[in-house]
């Protein structure tokens, strides 16, 4: 199971959803889908831009947990 820790990184950077969505170039609705882990996929270009804006690595926002 993939865990999305986007909220954690946004809090560390003191960045709102609206600000991140604007800087990344995606809608707040799509960002919300990513944050809640309901998305089925993410484009590498979107992931790259999120990492650029939040000054982090993909592993800072995505984690893997083995399902029981």
C-alpha atoms as a PDB file:
ATOM      1  CA  UNK A   1       0.000   0.000   0.000  1.00  0.00           C
ATOM      2  CA  UNK A   2       1.345   3.429  -0.922  1.00  0.00           C
ATOM      3  CA  UNK A   3       1.052   6.084   1.789  1.00  0.00           C
ATOM      4  CA  UNK A   4       0.960   9.744   0.717  1.00  0.00           C
ATOM      5  CA  UNK A   5       2.555  12.115   3.245  1.00  0.00           C
ATOM      6  CA  UNK A   6       1.942  15.282   1.258  1.00  0.00           C
ATOM      7  CA  UNK A   7       0.215  16.999   4.200  1.00  0.00           C
ATOM      8  CA  UNK A   8       3.308  16.450   6.346  1.00  0.00           C
ATOM      9  CA  UNK A   9       5.635  18.094   3.831  1.00  0.00           C
ATOM     10  CA  UNK A  10       3.206  20.955   3.244  1.00  0.00           C
ATOM     11  CA  UNK A  11       3.026  21.588   6.996  1.00  0.00           C
ATOM     12  CA  UNK A  12       6.832  21.526   7.283  1.00  0.00           C
ATOM     13  CA  UNK A  13       7.049  24.107   4.486  1.00  0.00           C
ATOM     14  CA  UNK A  14       4.073  26.097   5.877  1.00  0.00           C
ATOM     15  CA  UNK A  15       2.363  25.930   2.493  1.00  0.00           C
ATOM     16  CA  UNK A  16      -1.390  25.831   1.869  1.00  0.00           C
ATOM     17  CA  UNK A  17      -3.094  23.537  -0.612  1.00  0.00           C
ATOM     18  CA  UNK A  18      -4.062  26.501  -2.749  1.00  0.00           C
ATOM     19  CA  UNK A  19      -0.512  27.812  -2.880  1.00  0.00           C
ATOM     20  CA  UNK A  20       0.967  24.405  -3.728  1.00  0.00           C
ATOM     21  CA  UNK A  21      -1.661  23.715  -6.396  1.00  0.00           C
ATOM     22  CA  UNK A  22      -0.975  27.082  -8.014  1.00  0.00           C
ATOM     23  CA  UNK A  23       2.813  26.659  -7.986  1.00  0.00           C
ATOM     24  CA  UNK A  24       2.602  23.089  -9.323  1.00  0.00           C
ATOM     25  CA  UNK A  25      -0.002  23.959 -11.952  1.00  0.00           C
ATOM     26  CA  UNK A  26      -2.746  21.536 -10.915  1.00  0.00           C
ATOM     27  CA  UNK A  27      -6.246  22.096  -9.593  1.00  0.00           C
ATOM     28  CA  UNK A  28      -6.975  22.057  -5.880  1.00  0.00           C
ATOM     29  CA  UNK A  29      -9.353  19.154  -6.542  1.00  0.00           C
ATOM     30  CA  UNK A  30      -6.551  17.066  -8.081  1.00  0.00           C
ATOM     31  CA  UNK A  31      -4.206  17.996  -5.246  1.00  0.00           C
ATOM     32  CA  UNK A  32      -6.869  16.890  -2.767  1.00  0.00           C
ATOM     33  CA  UNK A  33      -7.129  13.523  -4.530  1.00  0.00           C
ATOM     34  CA  UNK A  34      -3.361  13.119  -4.204  1.00  0.00           C
ATOM     35  CA  UNK A  35      -3.304  14.190  -0.547  1.00  0.00           C
ATOM     36  CA  UNK A  36      -6.024  11.736   0.475  1.00  0.00           C
ATOM     37  CA  UNK A  37      -4.349   8.854  -1.336  1.00  0.00           C
ATOM     38  CA  UNK A  38      -7.410   8.310  -3.534  1.00  0.00           C
ATOM     39  CA  UNK A  39      -5.504   8.832  -6.765  1.00  0.00           C
ATOM     40  CA  UNK A  40      -4.610   5.812  -8.860  1.00  0.00           C
ATOM     41  CA  UNK A  41      -1.558   7.381 -10.482  1.00  0.00           C
ATOM     42  CA  UNK A  42       0.636  10.462 -10.578  1.00  0.00           C
ATOM     43  CA  UNK A  43       2.600  11.762 -13.533  1.00  0.00           C
ATOM     44  CA  UNK A  44       6.324  11.923 -12.955  1.00  0.00           C
ATOM     45  CA  UNK A  45       6.259  15.507 -14.208  1.00  0.00           C
ATOM     46  CA  UNK A  46       3.703  16.400 -11.494  1.00  0.00           C
ATOM     47  CA  UNK A  47       5.685  14.557  -8.818  1.00  0.00           C
ATOM     48  CA  UNK A  48       8.856  16.330  -9.970  1.00  0.00           C
ATOM     49  CA  UNK A  49       7.178  19.747  -9.759  1.00  0.00           C
ATOM     50  CA  UNK A  50       5.762  18.991  -6.272  1.00  0.00           C
ATOM     51  CA  UNK A  51       9.242  17.986  -5.104  1.00  0.00           C
ATOM     52  CA  UNK A  52      10.739  21.109  -6.669  1.00  0.00           C
ATOM     53  CA  UNK A  53       8.216  23.401  -4.969  1.00  0.00           C
ATOM     54  CA  UNK A  54       8.411  21.653  -1.574  1.00  0.00           C
ATOM     55  CA  UNK A  55      12.195  21.180  -1.857  1.00  0.00           C
ATOM     56  CA  UNK A  56      11.995  17.484  -1.062  1.00  0.00           C
ATOM     57  CA  UNK A  57      12.514  14.038  -2.572  1.00  0.00           C
ATOM     58  CA  UNK A  58       9.739  11.686  -3.745  1.00  0.00           C
ATOM     59  CA  UNK A  59      10.464   9.464  -0.725  1.00  0.00           C
ATOM     60  CA  UNK A  60       9.584  12.370   1.552  1.00  0.00           C
ATOM     61  CA  UNK A  61       6.024  12.342   0.245  1.00  0.00           C
ATOM     62  CA  UNK A  62       5.485   8.708  -0.758  1.00  0.00           C
ATOM     63  CA  UNK A  63       5.940   5.690   1.475  1.00  0.00           C
ATOM     64  CA  UNK A  64       5.213   1.980   1.187  1.00  0.00           C
ATOM     65  CA  UNK A  65       3.528  -0.131   3.827  1.00  0.00           C
ATOM     66  CA  UNK A  66       2.953  -3.836   3.393  1.00  0.00           C
ATOM     67  CA  UNK A  67      -0.736  -4.715   3.580  1.00  0.00           C
ATOM     68  CA  UNK A  68      -1.714  -7.248   6.222  1.00  0.00           C
END
